[in-house]
Amino acid sequence: MDVKVIGVMLPILISLGLFAMIFGIVYLRSREKMAMIERGMNPGIDVGKPVSRNYVLTWGLLLIGSGIGLFLAYTLDATQYFSSRDNDNPAIYFAMIAIFGGLGLFTSYLIEKKEAKKEAGE
């Protein structure tokens, strides 16, 4: 195939694929709700999902942890560990962001668990 033909067909195929995916999701969701109504169930209520009120705390601690990890990775990269090399080392950035972001999420979990115990004990 010619490059010009591919350049014209690619946006058309991507648009059609995106439309088909959205249409399929909406169609299957409505079919699922209709099946629930036929069986006498209420499709508007998700019974199995617990409601989390602390999503702001979770996102905040995740972003704070990622920021601290990025800052520490830059500090390590610029000062002592990798200053003698000519090339960059992106692995330390990804590792520190993942480690400190995970610590932020774990801290959020511990705070939410402590609040849940306090609410259950009252």
PDB file of N, CA and C in Angstrom:
ATOM      1  N   MET A   1       0.836  -1.186   0.000  1.00  0.00           N
ATOM      2  CA  MET A   1       0.000   0.000   0.000  1.00  0.00           C
ATOM      3  C   MET A   1       0.874   1.240   0.000  1.00  0.00           C
ATOM      4  N   ASP A   2       0.346   2.258  -0.558  1.00  0.00           N
ATOM      5  CA  ASP A   2       1.042   3.533  -0.612  1.00  0.00           C
ATOM      6  C   ASP A   2       0.902   4.256   0.739  1.00  0.00           C
ATOM      7  N   VAL A   3       1.866   5.064   1.064  1.00  0.00           N
ATOM      8  CA  VAL A   3       1.847   5.783   2.343  1.00  0.00           C
ATOM      9  C   VAL A   3       0.682   6.771   2.388  1.00  0.00           C
ATOM     10  N   LYS A   4       0.341   7.362   1.265  1.00  0.00           N
ATOM     11  CA  LYS A   4      -0.771   8.319   1.225  1.00  0.00           C
ATOM     12  C   LYS A   4      -2.101   7.616   1.510  1.00  0.00           C
ATOM     13  N   VAL A   5      -2.263   6.416   0.986  1.00  0.00           N
ATOM     14  CA  VAL A   5      -3.497   5.670   1.212  1.00  0.00           C
ATOM     15  C   VAL A   5      -3.619   5.293   2.687  1.00  0.00           C
ATOM     16  N   ILE A   6      -2.521   4.862   3.270  1.00  0.00           N
ATOM     17  CA  ILE A   6      -2.535   4.522   4.688  1.00  0.00           C
ATOM     18  C   ILE A   6      -2.822   5.767   5.529  1.00  0.00           C
ATOM     19  N   GLY A   7      -2.251   6.901   5.144  1.00  0.00           N
ATOM     20  CA  GLY A   7      -2.485   8.147   5.867  1.00  0.00           C
ATOM     21  C   GLY A   7      -3.932   8.582   5.827  1.00  0.00           C
ATOM     22  N   VAL A   8      -4.660   8.255   4.759  1.00  0.00           N
ATOM     23  CA  VAL A   8      -6.069   8.611   4.665  1.00  0.00           C
ATOM     24  C   VAL A   8      -6.938   7.578   5.385  1.00  0.00           C
ATOM     25  N   MET A   9      -6.572   6.299   5.280  1.00  0.00           N
ATOM     26  CA  MET A   9      -7.396   5.246   5.857  1.00  0.00           C
ATOM     27  C   MET A   9      -7.266   5.151   7.373  1.00  0.00           C
ATOM     28  N   LEU A  10      -6.117   5.490   7.903  1.00  0.00           N
ATOM     29  CA  LEU A  10      -5.887   5.327   9.333  1.00  0.00           C
ATOM     30  C   LEU A  10      -6.849   6.149  10.193  1.00  0.00           C
ATOM     31  N   PRO A  11      -7.046   7.455   9.962  1.00  0.00           N
ATOM     32  CA  PRO A  11      -8.013   8.182  10.793  1.00  0.00           C
ATOM     33  C   PRO A  11      -9.445   7.668  10.632  1.00  0.00           C
ATOM     34  N   ILE A  12      -9.788   7.233   9.431  1.00  0.00           N
ATOM     35  CA  ILE A  12     -11.138   6.704   9.199  1.00  0.00           C
ATOM     36  C   ILE A  12     -11.333   5.418   9.995  1.00  0.00           C
ATOM     37  N   LEU A  13     -10.357   4.515   9.956  1.00  0.00           N
ATOM     38  CA  LEU A  13     -10.476   3.248  10.679  1.00  0.00           C
ATOM     39  C   LEU A  13     -10.457   3.454  12.192  1.00  0.00           C
ATOM     40  N   ILE A  14      -9.646   4.389  12.659  1.00  0.00           N
ATOM     41  CA  ILE A  14      -9.619   4.668  14.094  1.00  0.00           C
ATOM     42  C   ILE A  14     -10.958   5.239  14.549  1.00  0.00           C
ATOM     43  N   SER A  15     -11.532   6.144  13.762  1.00  0.00           N
ATOM     44  CA  SER A  15     -12.832   6.715  14.116  1.00  0.00           C
ATOM     45  C   SER A  15     -13.922   5.653  14.125  1.00  0.00           C
ATOM     46  N   LEU A  16     -13.934   4.791  13.115  1.00  0.00           N
ATOM     47  CA  LEU A  16     -14.935   3.727  13.072  1.00  0.00           C
ATOM     48  C   LEU A  16     -14.760   2.748  14.234  1.00  0.00           C
ATOM     49  N   GLY A  17     -13.526   2.412  14.563  1.00  0.00           N
ATOM     50  CA  GLY A  17     -13.274   1.509  15.684  1.00  0.00           C
ATOM     51  C   GLY A  17     -13.711   2.114  17.011  1.00  0.00           C
ATOM     52  N   LEU A  18     -13.442   3.389  17.202  1.00  0.00           N
ATOM     53  CA  LEU A  18     -13.849   4.066  18.433  1.00  0.00           C
ATOM     54  C   LEU A  18     -15.375   4.118  18.539  1.00  0.00           C
ATOM     55  N   PHE A  19     -16.045   4.432  17.432  1.00  0.00           N
ATOM     56  CA  PHE A  19     -17.502   4.458  17.430  1.00  0.00           C
ATOM     57  C   PHE A  19     -18.076   3.077  17.736  1.00  0.00           C
ATOM     58  N   ALA A  20     -17.512   2.035  17.121  1.00  0.00           N
ATOM     59  CA  ALA A  20     -18.006   0.673  17.350  1.00  0.00           C
ATOM     60  C   ALA A  20     -17.799   0.258  18.802  1.00  0.00           C
ATOM     61  N   MET A  21     -16.673   0.658  19.389  1.00  0.00           N
ATOM     62  CA  MET A  21     -16.403   0.296  20.778  1.00  0.00           C
ATOM     63  C   MET A  21     -17.398   0.980  21.719  1.00  0.00           C
ATOM     64  N   ILE A  22     -17.625   2.275  21.534  1.00  0.00           N
ATOM     65  CA  ILE A  22     -18.570   3.004  22.390  1.00  0.00           C
ATOM     66  C   ILE A  22     -19.988   2.466  22.207  1.00  0.00           C
ATOM     67  N   PHE A  23     -20.380   2.218  20.964  1.00  0.00           N
ATOM     68  CA  PHE A  23     -21.704   1.667  20.698  1.00  0.00           C
ATOM     69  C   PHE A  23     -21.865   0.304  21.349  1.00  0.00           C
ATOM     70  N   GLY A  24     -20.831  -0.546  21.262  1.00  0.00           N
ATOM     71  CA  GLY A  24     -20.899  -1.881  21.867  1.00  0.00           C
ATOM     72  C   GLY A  24     -21.024  -1.811  23.376  1.00  0.00           C
ATOM     73  N   ILE A  25     -20.277  -0.902  23.996  1.00  0.00           N
ATOM     74  CA  ILE A  25     -20.348  -0.771  25.459  1.00  0.00           C
ATOM     75  C   ILE A  25     -21.735  -0.326  25.891  1.00  0.00           C
ATOM     76  N   VAL A  26     -22.282   0.681  25.218  1.00  0.00           N
ATOM     77  CA  VAL A  26     -23.611   1.181  25.573  1.00  0.00           C
ATOM     78  C   VAL A  26     -24.675   0.117  25.321  1.00  0.00           C
ATOM     79  N   TYR A  27     -24.567  -0.600  24.211  1.00  0.00           N
ATOM     80  CA  TYR A  27     -25.536  -1.629  23.872  1.00  0.00           C
ATOM     81  C   TYR A  27     -25.508  -2.766  24.886  1.00  0.00           C
ATOM     82  N   LEU A  28     -24.302  -3.223  25.233  1.00  0.00           N
ATOM     83  CA  LEU A  28     -24.211  -4.322  26.190  1.00  0.00           C
ATOM     84  C   LEU A  28     -24.653  -3.902  27.588  1.00  0.00           C
ATOM     85  N   ARG A  29     -24.391  -2.664  27.963  1.00  0.00           N
ATOM     86  CA  ARG A  29     -24.827  -2.183  29.278  1.00  0.00           C
ATOM     87  C   ARG A  29     -26.357  -2.133  29.343  1.00  0.00           C
ATOM     88  N   SER A  30     -26.997  -1.682  28.262  1.00  0.00           N
ATOM     89  CA  SER A  30     -28.460  -1.627  28.265  1.00  0.00           C
ATOM     90  C   SER A  30     -29.061  -3.035  28.255  1.00  0.00           C
ATOM     91  N   ARG A  31     -28.410  -3.960  27.544  1.00  0.00           N
ATOM     92  CA  ARG A  31     -28.893  -5.348  27.557  1.00  0.00           C
ATOM     93  C   ARG A  31     -28.773  -5.950  28.953  1.00  0.00           C
ATOM     94  N   GLU A  32     -27.698  -5.630  29.651  1.00  0.00           N
ATOM     95  CA  GLU A  32     -27.514  -6.136  31.004  1.00  0.00           C
ATOM     96  C   GLU A  32     -28.584  -5.580  31.937  1.00  0.00           C
ATOM     97  N   LYS A  33     -28.883  -4.297  31.812  1.00  0.00           N
ATOM     98  CA  LYS A  33     -29.921  -3.698  32.656  1.00  0.00           C
ATOM     99  C   LYS A  33     -31.293  -4.280  32.352  1.00  0.00           C
ATOM    100  N   MET A  34     -31.579  -4.532  31.083  1.00  0.00           N
ATOM    101  CA  MET A  34     -32.861  -5.131  30.729  1.00  0.00           C
ATOM    102  C   MET A  34     -32.981  -6.545  31.295  1.00  0.00           C
ATOM    103  N   ALA A  35     -31.891  -7.304  31.281  1.00  0.00           N
ATOM    104  CA  ALA A  35     -31.927  -8.650  31.851  1.00  0.00           C
ATOM    105  C   ALA A  35     -32.146  -8.586  33.357  1.00  0.00           C
ATOM    106  N   MET A  36     -31.562  -7.606  34.010  1.00  0.00           N
ATOM    107  CA  MET A  36     -31.776  -7.460  35.449  1.00  0.00           C
ATOM    108  C   MET A  36     -33.221  -7.092  35.755  1.00  0.00           C
ATOM    109  N   ILE A  37     -33.822  -6.225  34.944  1.00  0.00           N
ATOM    110  CA  ILE A  37     -35.216  -5.844  35.148  1.00  0.00           C
ATOM    111  C   ILE A  37     -36.129  -7.045  34.949  1.00  0.00           C
ATOM    112  N   GLU A  38     -35.843  -7.876  33.938  1.00  0.00           N
ATOM    113  CA  GLU A  38     -36.659  -9.059  33.676  1.00  0.00           C
ATOM    114  C   GLU A  38     -36.605 -10.047  34.840  1.00  0.00           C
ATOM    115  N   ARG A  39     -35.499 -10.093  35.537  1.00  0.00           N
ATOM    116  CA  ARG A  39     -35.365 -11.009  36.675  1.00  0.00           C
ATOM    117  C   ARG A  39     -35.841 -10.396  37.986  1.00  0.00           C
ATOM    118  N   GLY A  40     -36.317  -9.157  37.929  1.00  0.00           N
ATOM    119  CA  GLY A  40     -36.850  -8.518  39.121  1.00  0.00           C
ATOM    120  C   GLY A  40     -35.806  -7.814  39.969  1.00  0.00           C
ATOM    121  N   MET A  41     -34.634  -7.595  39.439  1.00  0.00           N
ATOM    122  CA  MET A  41     -33.574  -6.914  40.181  1.00  0.00           C
ATOM    123  C   MET A  41     -33.606  -5.425  39.863  1.00  0.00           C
ATOM    124  N   ASN A  42     -33.010  -4.629  40.740  1.00  0.00           N
ATOM    125  CA  ASN A  42     -32.920  -3.192  40.520  1.00  0.00           C
ATOM    126  C   ASN A  42     -31.572  -2.881  39.872  1.00  0.00           C
ATOM    127  N   PRO A  43     -31.538  -2.439  38.614  1.00  0.00           N
ATOM    128  CA  PRO A  43     -30.263  -2.214  37.940  1.00  0.00           C
ATOM    129  C   PRO A  43     -29.557  -0.932  38.352  1.00  0.00           C
ATOM    130  N   GLY A  44     -30.198  -0.068  39.108  1.00  0.00           N
ATOM    131  CA  GLY A  44     -29.587   1.209  39.461  1.00  0.00           C
ATOM    132  C   GLY A  44     -28.707   1.160  40.692  1.00  0.00           C
ATOM    133  N   ILE A  45     -28.760   0.073  41.457  1.00  0.00           N
ATOM    134  CA  ILE A  45     -28.031   0.005  42.715  1.00  0.00           C
ATOM    135  C   ILE A  45     -26.920  -1.030  42.587  1.00  0.00           C
ATOM    136  N   ASP A  46     -25.678  -0.614  42.871  1.00  0.00           N
ATOM    137  CA  ASP A  46     -24.553  -1.542  42.925  1.00  0.00           C
ATOM    138  C   ASP A  46     -24.387  -1.982  44.368  1.00  0.00           C
ATOM    139  N   VAL A  47     -24.799  -3.206  44.643  1.00  0.00           N
ATOM    140  CA  VAL A  47     -24.822  -3.697  46.012  1.00  0.00           C
ATOM    141  C   VAL A  47     -23.423  -4.062  46.496  1.00  0.00           C
ATOM    142  N   GLY A  48     -22.591  -4.613  45.641  1.00  0.00           N
ATOM    143  CA  GLY A  48     -21.315  -5.151  46.069  1.00  0.00           C
ATOM    144  C   GLY A  48     -20.206  -4.134  46.241  1.00  0.00           C
ATOM    145  N   LYS A  49     -20.378  -2.917  45.789  1.00  0.00           N
ATOM    146  CA  LYS A  49     -19.304  -1.938  45.848  1.00  0.00           C
ATOM    147  C   LYS A  49     -19.415  -1.066  47.093  1.00  0.00           C
ATOM    148  N   PRO A  50     -18.382  -1.073  47.932  1.00  0.00           N
ATOM    149  CA  PRO A  50     -18.409  -0.173  49.088  1.00  0.00           C
ATOM    150  C   PRO A  50     -18.125   1.269  48.648  1.00  0.00           C
ATOM    151  N   VAL A  51     -18.696   2.209  49.355  1.00  0.00           N
ATOM    152  CA  VAL A  51     -18.529   3.616  49.022  1.00  0.00           C
ATOM    153  C   VAL A  51     -17.294   4.144  49.742  1.00  0.00           C
ATOM    154  N   SER A  52     -16.373   4.714  48.979  1.00  0.00           N
ATOM    155  CA  SER A  52     -15.162   5.275  49.560  1.00  0.00           C
ATOM    156  C   SER A  52     -15.284   6.791  49.595  1.00  0.00           C
ATOM    157  N   ARG A  53     -15.224   7.342  50.790  1.00  0.00           N
ATOM    158  CA  ARG A  53     -15.329   8.792  50.925  1.00  0.00           C
ATOM    159  C   ARG A  53     -13.964   9.455  50.890  1.00  0.00           C
ATOM    160  N   ASN A  54     -12.916   8.669  51.001  1.00  0.00           N
ATOM    161  CA  ASN A  54     -11.588   9.232  51.167  1.00  0.00           C
ATOM    162  C   ASN A  54     -10.777   9.245  49.879  1.00  0.00           C
ATOM    163  N   TYR A  55     -11.409   9.417  48.733  1.00  0.00           N
ATOM    164  CA  TYR A  55     -10.652   9.413  47.487  1.00  0.00           C
ATOM    165  C   TYR A  55      -9.752  10.642  47.374  1.00  0.00           C
ATOM    166  N   VAL A  56     -10.131  11.745  47.994  1.00  0.00           N
ATOM    167  CA  VAL A  56      -9.285  12.939  47.973  1.00  0.00           C
ATOM    168  C   VAL A  56      -8.008  12.680  48.773  1.00  0.00           C
ATOM    169  N   LEU A  57      -8.145  12.033  49.917  1.00  0.00           N
ATOM    170  CA  LEU A  57      -6.982  11.675  50.722  1.00  0.00           C
ATOM    171  C   LEU A  57      -6.071  10.726  49.950  1.00  0.00           C
ATOM    172  N   THR A  58      -6.651   9.734  49.292  1.00  0.00           N
ATOM    173  CA  THR A  58      -5.865   8.765  48.536  1.00  0.00           C
ATOM    174  C   THR A  58      -5.096   9.444  47.415  1.00  0.00           C
ATOM    175  N   TRP A  59      -5.775  10.266  46.626  1.00  0.00           N
ATOM    176  CA  TRP A  59      -5.101  10.946  45.514  1.00  0.00           C
ATOM    177  C   TRP A  59      -4.068  11.939  46.026  1.00  0.00           C
ATOM    178  N   GLY A  60      -4.378  12.619  47.095  1.00  0.00           N
ATOM    179  CA  GLY A  60      -3.433  13.585  47.647  1.00  0.00           C
ATOM    180  C   GLY A  60      -2.151  12.926  48.113  1.00  0.00           C
ATOM    181  N   LEU A  61      -2.281  11.837  48.870  1.00  0.00           N
ATOM    182  CA  LEU A  61      -1.090  11.146  49.354  1.00  0.00           C
ATOM    183  C   LEU A  61      -0.322  10.473  48.218  1.00  0.00           C
ATOM    184  N   LEU A  62      -1.027   9.991  47.190  1.00  0.00           N
ATOM    185  CA  LEU A  62      -0.347   9.423  46.023  1.00  0.00           C
ATOM    186  C   LEU A  62       0.487  10.480  45.310  1.00  0.00           C
ATOM    187  N   LEU A  63      -0.095  11.646  45.094  1.00  0.00           N
ATOM    188  CA  LEU A  63       0.636  12.699  44.398  1.00  0.00           C
ATOM    189  C   LEU A  63       1.767  13.273  45.242  1.00  0.00           C
ATOM    190  N   ILE A  64       1.557  13.396  46.534  1.00  0.00           N
ATOM    191  CA  ILE A  64       2.635  13.862  47.414  1.00  0.00           C
ATOM    192  C   ILE A  64       3.785  12.860  47.401  1.00  0.00           C
ATOM    193  N   GLY A  65       3.472  11.585  47.516  1.00  0.00           N
ATOM    194  CA  GLY A  65       4.514  10.559  47.476  1.00  0.00           C
ATOM    195  C   GLY A  65       5.249  10.530  46.153  1.00  0.00           C
ATOM    196  N   SER A  66       4.522  10.684  45.050  1.00  0.00           N
ATOM    197  CA  SER A  66       5.169  10.706  43.743  1.00  0.00           C
ATOM    198  C   SER A  66       6.059  11.927  43.590  1.00  0.00           C
ATOM    199  N   GLY A  67       5.622  13.052  44.104  1.00  0.00           N
ATOM    200  CA  GLY A  67       6.440  14.262  44.043  1.00  0.00           C
ATOM    201  C   GLY A  67       7.710  14.133  44.865  1.00  0.00           C
ATOM    202  N   ILE A  68       7.595  13.556  46.052  1.00  0.00           N
ATOM    203  CA  ILE A  68       8.786  13.343  46.877  1.00  0.00           C
ATOM    204  C   ILE A  68       9.742  12.369  46.186  1.00  0.00           C
ATOM    205  N   GLY A  69       9.194  11.318  45.594  1.00  0.00           N
ATOM    206  CA  GLY A  69      10.032  10.361  44.870  1.00  0.00           C
ATOM    207  C   GLY A  69      10.732  10.989  43.692  1.00  0.00           C
ATOM    208  N   LEU A  70      10.035  11.831  42.950  1.00  0.00           N
ATOM    209  CA  LEU A  70      10.652  12.514  41.811  1.00  0.00           C
ATOM    210  C   LEU A  70      11.739  13.467  42.276  1.00  0.00           C
ATOM    211  N   PHE A  71      11.491  14.182  43.357  1.00  0.00           N
ATOM    212  CA  PHE A  71      12.495  15.098  43.892  1.00  0.00           C
ATOM    213  C   PHE A  71      13.736  14.347  44.367  1.00  0.00           C
ATOM    214  N   LEU A  72      13.543  13.250  45.084  1.00  0.00           N
ATOM    215  CA  LEU A  72      14.689  12.478  45.563  1.00  0.00           C
ATOM    216  C   LEU A  72      15.458  11.836  44.409  1.00  0.00           C
ATOM    217  N   ALA A  73      14.747  11.372  43.392  1.00  0.00           N
ATOM    218  CA  ALA A  73      15.430  10.795  42.233  1.00  0.00           C
ATOM    219  C   ALA A  73      16.267  11.850  41.518  1.00  0.00           C
ATOM    220  N   TYR A  74      15.719  13.050  41.367  1.00  0.00           N
ATOM    221  CA  TYR A  74      16.496  14.121  40.743  1.00  0.00           C
ATOM    222  C   TYR A  74      17.707  14.480  41.589  1.00  0.00           C
ATOM    223  N   THR A  75      17.515  14.540  42.896  1.00  0.00           N
ATOM    224  CA  THR A  75      18.627  14.873  43.790  1.00  0.00           C
ATOM    225  C   THR A  75      19.726  13.817  43.708  1.00  0.00           C
ATOM    226  N   LEU A  76      19.352  12.549  43.725  1.00  0.00           N
ATOM    227  CA  LEU A  76      20.348  11.483  43.606  1.00  0.00           C
ATOM    228  C   LEU A  76      21.039  11.507  42.252  1.00  0.00           C
ATOM    229  N   ASP A  77      20.285  11.768  41.214  1.00  0.00           N
ATOM    230  CA  ASP A  77      20.842  11.780  39.867  1.00  0.00           C
ATOM    231  C   ASP A  77      21.790  12.958  39.671  1.00  0.00           C
ATOM    232  N   ALA A  78      21.453  14.090  40.237  1.00  0.00           N
ATOM    233  CA  ALA A  78      22.259  15.291  40.017  1.00  0.00           C
ATOM    234  C   ALA A  78      23.481  15.353  40.922  1.00  0.00           C
ATOM    235  N   THR A  79      23.444  14.723  42.076  1.00  0.00           N
ATOM    236  CA  THR A  79      24.541  14.915  43.021  1.00  0.00           C
ATOM    237  C   THR A  79      25.560  13.789  42.983  1.00  0.00           C
ATOM    238  N   GLN A  80      25.259  12.627  43.510  1.00  0.00           N
ATOM    239  CA  GLN A  80      26.320  11.684  43.758  1.00  0.00           C
ATOM    240  C   GLN A  80      26.315  10.432  42.917  1.00  0.00           C
ATOM    241  N   TYR A  81      25.193   9.810  42.697  1.00  0.00           N
ATOM    242  CA  TYR A  81      25.227   8.467  42.137  1.00  0.00           C
ATOM    243  C   TYR A  81      25.519   8.405  40.647  1.00  0.00           C
ATOM    244  N   PHE A  82      24.931   9.271  39.872  1.00  0.00           N
ATOM    245  CA  PHE A  82      25.034   9.128  38.430  1.00  0.00           C
ATOM    246  C   PHE A  82      25.664  10.333  37.754  1.00  0.00           C
ATOM    247  N   SER A  83      26.387  11.157  38.487  1.00  0.00           N
ATOM    248  CA  SER A  83      26.941  12.369  37.898  1.00  0.00           C
ATOM    249  C   SER A  83      28.123  12.079  36.989  1.00  0.00           C
ATOM    250  N   SER A  84      28.800  10.934  37.140  1.00  0.00           N
ATOM    251  CA  SER A  84      29.963  10.646  36.315  1.00  0.00           C
ATOM    252  C   SER A  84      29.576  10.099  34.944  1.00  0.00           C
ATOM    253  N   ARG A  85      28.378   9.657  34.771  1.00  0.00           N
ATOM    254  CA  ARG A  85      27.942   9.108  33.487  1.00  0.00           C
ATOM    255  C   ARG A  85      27.476  10.215  32.564  1.00  0.00           C
ATOM    256  N   ASP A  86      27.652   9.970  31.274  1.00  0.00           N
ATOM    257  CA  ASP A  86      27.207  10.945  30.284  1.00  0.00           C
ATOM    258  C   ASP A  86      25.723  10.788  29.959  1.00  0.00           C
ATOM    259  N   ASN A  87      25.196   9.566  30.072  1.00  0.00           N
ATOM    260  CA  ASN A  87      23.792   9.331  29.710  1.00  0.00           C
ATOM    261  C   ASN A  87      22.886   9.450  30.926  1.00  0.00           C
ATOM    262  N   ASP A  88      21.625   9.677  30.654  1.00  0.00           N
ATOM    263  CA  ASP A  88      20.638   9.764  31.729  1.00  0.00           C
ATOM    264  C   ASP A  88      20.251   8.363  32.185  1.00  0.00           C
ATOM    265  N   ASN A  89      19.757   8.271  33.391  1.00  0.00           N
ATOM    266  CA  ASN A  89      19.304   7.000  33.927  1.00  0.00           C
ATOM    267  C   ASN A  89      17.846   7.143  34.348  1.00  0.00           C
ATOM    268  N   PRO A  90      16.899   6.824  33.454  1.00  0.00           N
ATOM    269  CA  PRO A  90      15.483   7.008  33.805  1.00  0.00           C
ATOM    270  C   PRO A  90      14.963   5.973  34.790  1.00  0.00           C
ATOM    271  N   ALA A  91      15.685   4.884  34.988  1.00  0.00           N
ATOM    272  CA  ALA A  91      15.182   3.830  35.881  1.00  0.00           C
ATOM    273  C   ALA A  91      15.057   4.332  37.316  1.00  0.00           C
ATOM    274  N   ILE A  92      15.974   5.171  37.749  1.00  0.00           N
ATOM    275  CA  ILE A  92      15.898   5.671  39.125  1.00  0.00           C
ATOM    276  C   ILE A  92      14.666   6.553  39.304  1.00  0.00           C
ATOM    277  N   TYR A  93      14.286   7.304  38.272  1.00  0.00           N
ATOM    278  CA  TYR A  93      13.098   8.148  38.376  1.00  0.00           C
ATOM    279  C   TYR A  93      11.844   7.295  38.516  1.00  0.00           C
ATOM    280  N   PHE A  94      11.704   6.292  37.668  1.00  0.00           N
ATOM    281  CA  PHE A  94      10.523   5.426  37.744  1.00  0.00           C
ATOM    282  C   PHE A  94      10.475   4.664  39.069  1.00  0.00           C
ATOM    283  N   ALA A  95      11.637   4.195  39.517  1.00  0.00           N
ATOM    284  CA  ALA A  95      11.668   3.429  40.760  1.00  0.00           C
ATOM    285  C   ALA A  95      11.273   4.285  41.956  1.00  0.00           C
ATOM    286  N   MET A  96      11.830   5.477  42.044  1.00  0.00           N
ATOM    287  CA  MET A  96      11.527   6.332  43.197  1.00  0.00           C
ATOM    288  C   MET A  96      10.074   6.804  43.182  1.00  0.00           C
ATOM    289  N   ILE A  97       9.551   7.126  42.008  1.00  0.00           N
ATOM    290  CA  ILE A  97       8.144   7.528  41.924  1.00  0.00           C
ATOM    291  C   ILE A  97       7.243   6.368  42.356  1.00  0.00           C
ATOM    292  N   ALA A  98       7.556   5.145  41.889  1.00  0.00           N
ATOM    293  CA  ALA A  98       6.736   3.986  42.259  1.00  0.00           C
ATOM    294  C   ALA A  98       6.833   3.694  43.754  1.00  0.00           C
ATOM    295  N   ILE A  99       8.028   3.766  44.304  1.00  0.00           N
ATOM    296  CA  ILE A  99       8.211   3.449  45.725  1.00  0.00           C
ATOM    297  C   ILE A  99       7.467   4.452  46.600  1.00  0.00           C
ATOM    298  N   PHE A 100       7.688   5.736  46.362  1.00  0.00           N
ATOM    299  CA  PHE A 100       7.070   6.728  47.225  1.00  0.00           C
ATOM    300  C   PHE A 100       5.577   6.900  46.940  1.00  0.00           C
ATOM    301  N   GLY A 101       5.147   6.686  45.701  1.00  0.00           N
ATOM    302  CA  GLY A 101       3.709   6.679  45.418  1.00  0.00           C
ATOM    303  C   GLY A 101       3.025   5.526  46.134  1.00  0.00           C
ATOM    304  N   GLY A 102       3.682   4.350  46.149  1.00  0.00           N
ATOM    305  CA  GLY A 102       3.148   3.205  46.883  1.00  0.00           C
ATOM    306  C   GLY A 102       3.102   3.455  48.373  1.00  0.00           C
ATOM    307  N   LEU A 103       4.117   4.124  48.900  1.00  0.00           N
ATOM    308  CA  LEU A 103       4.093   4.476  50.322  1.00  0.00           C
ATOM    309  C   LEU A 103       2.948   5.436  50.641  1.00  0.00           C
ATOM    310  N   GLY A 104       2.671   6.361  49.719  1.00  0.00           N
ATOM    311  CA  GLY A 104       1.532   7.263  49.914  1.00  0.00           C
ATOM    312  C   GLY A 104       0.213   6.513  49.926  1.00  0.00           C
ATOM    313  N   LEU A 105       0.054   5.553  49.008  1.00  0.00           N
ATOM    314  CA  LEU A 105      -1.173   4.752  48.985  1.00  0.00           C
ATOM    315  C   LEU A 105      -1.297   3.886  50.230  1.00  0.00           C
ATOM    316  N   PHE A 106      -0.184   3.324  50.693  1.00  0.00           N
ATOM    317  CA  PHE A 106      -0.218   2.514  51.910  1.00  0.00           C
ATOM    318  C   PHE A 106      -0.577   3.371  53.119  1.00  0.00           C
ATOM    319  N   THR A 107      -0.055   4.580  53.176  1.00  0.00           N
ATOM    320  CA  THR A 107      -0.401   5.495  54.267  1.00  0.00           C
ATOM    321  C   THR A 107      -1.888   5.835  54.232  1.00  0.00           C
ATOM    322  N   SER A 108      -2.417   6.053  53.033  1.00  0.00           N
ATOM    323  CA  SER A 108      -3.849   6.316  52.889  1.00  0.00           C
ATOM    324  C   SER A 108      -4.672   5.127  53.380  1.00  0.00           C
ATOM    325  N   TYR A 109      -4.231   3.923  53.059  1.00  0.00           N
ATOM    326  CA  TYR A 109      -4.929   2.726  53.523  1.00  0.00           C
ATOM    327  C   TYR A 109      -4.938   2.652  55.045  1.00  0.00           C
ATOM    328  N   LEU A 110      -3.787   2.923  55.660  1.00  0.00           N
ATOM    329  CA  LEU A 110      -3.718   2.859  57.119  1.00  0.00           C
ATOM    330  C   LEU A 110      -4.615   3.898  57.770  1.00  0.00           C
ATOM    331  N   ILE A 111      -4.671   5.101  57.206  1.00  0.00           N
ATOM    332  CA  ILE A 111      -5.533   6.150  57.756  1.00  0.00           C
ATOM    333  C   ILE A 111      -6.997   5.761  57.625  1.00  0.00           C
ATOM    334  N   GLU A 112      -7.385   5.232  56.446  1.00  0.00           N
ATOM    335  CA  GLU A 112      -8.775   4.814  56.242  1.00  0.00           C
ATOM    336  C   GLU A 112      -9.139   3.655  57.166  1.00  0.00           C
ATOM    337  N   LYS A 113      -8.206   2.726  57.389  1.00  0.00           N
ATOM    338  CA  LYS A 113      -8.470   1.595  58.274  1.00  0.00           C
ATOM    339  C   LYS A 113      -8.660   2.071  59.710  1.00  0.00           C
ATOM    340  N   LYS A 114      -7.843   3.030  60.123  1.00  0.00           N
ATOM    341  CA  LYS A 114      -7.960   3.581  61.472  1.00  0.00           C
ATOM    342  C   LYS A 114      -9.298   4.292  61.647  1.00  0.00           C
ATOM    343  N   GLU A 115      -9.726   5.056  60.635  1.00  0.00           N
ATOM    344  CA  GLU A 115     -11.022   5.736  60.715  1.00  0.00           C
ATOM    345  C   GLU A 115     -12.173   4.746  60.722  1.00  0.00           C
ATOM    346  N   ALA A 116     -12.055   3.656  59.965  1.00  0.00           N
ATOM    347  CA  ALA A 116     -13.120   2.652  59.944  1.00  0.00           C
ATOM    348  C   ALA A 116     -13.238   1.963  61.295  1.00  0.00           C
ATOM    349  N   LYS A 117     -12.097   1.679  61.951  1.00  0.00           N
ATOM    350  CA  LYS A 117     -12.147   1.095  63.292  1.00  0.00           C
ATOM    351  C   LYS A 117     -12.790   2.050  64.292  1.00  0.00           C
ATOM    352  N   LYS A 118     -12.461   3.338  64.134  1.00  0.00           N
ATOM    353  CA  LYS A 118     -13.011   4.330  65.052  1.00  0.00           C
ATOM    354  C   LYS A 118     -14.519   4.462  64.871  1.00  0.00           C
ATOM    355  N   GLU A 119     -14.996   4.400  63.632  1.00  0.00           N
ATOM    356  CA  GLU A 119     -16.431   4.484  63.364  1.00  0.00           C
ATOM    357  C   GLU A 119     -17.161   3.221  63.830  1.00  0.00           C
ATOM    358  N   ALA A 120     -16.534   2.061  63.681  1.00  0.00           N
ATOM    359  CA  ALA A 120     -17.167   0.816  64.105  1.00  0.00           C
ATOM    360  C   ALA A 120     -17.207   0.704  65.635  1.00  0.00           C
ATOM    361  N   GLY A 121     -16.219   1.264  66.297  1.00  0.00           N
ATOM    362  CA  GLY A 121     -16.176   1.193  67.759  1.00  0.00           C
ATOM    363  C   GLY A 121     -17.137   2.129  68.442  1.00  0.00           C
ATOM    364  N   GLU A 122     -17.577   3.158  67.768  1.00  0.00           N
ATOM    365  CA  GLU A 122     -18.478   4.140  68.392  1.00  0.00           C
ATOM    366  C   GLU A 122     -19.892   3.652  68.459  1.00  0.00           C
TER     367      GLU A 122
END
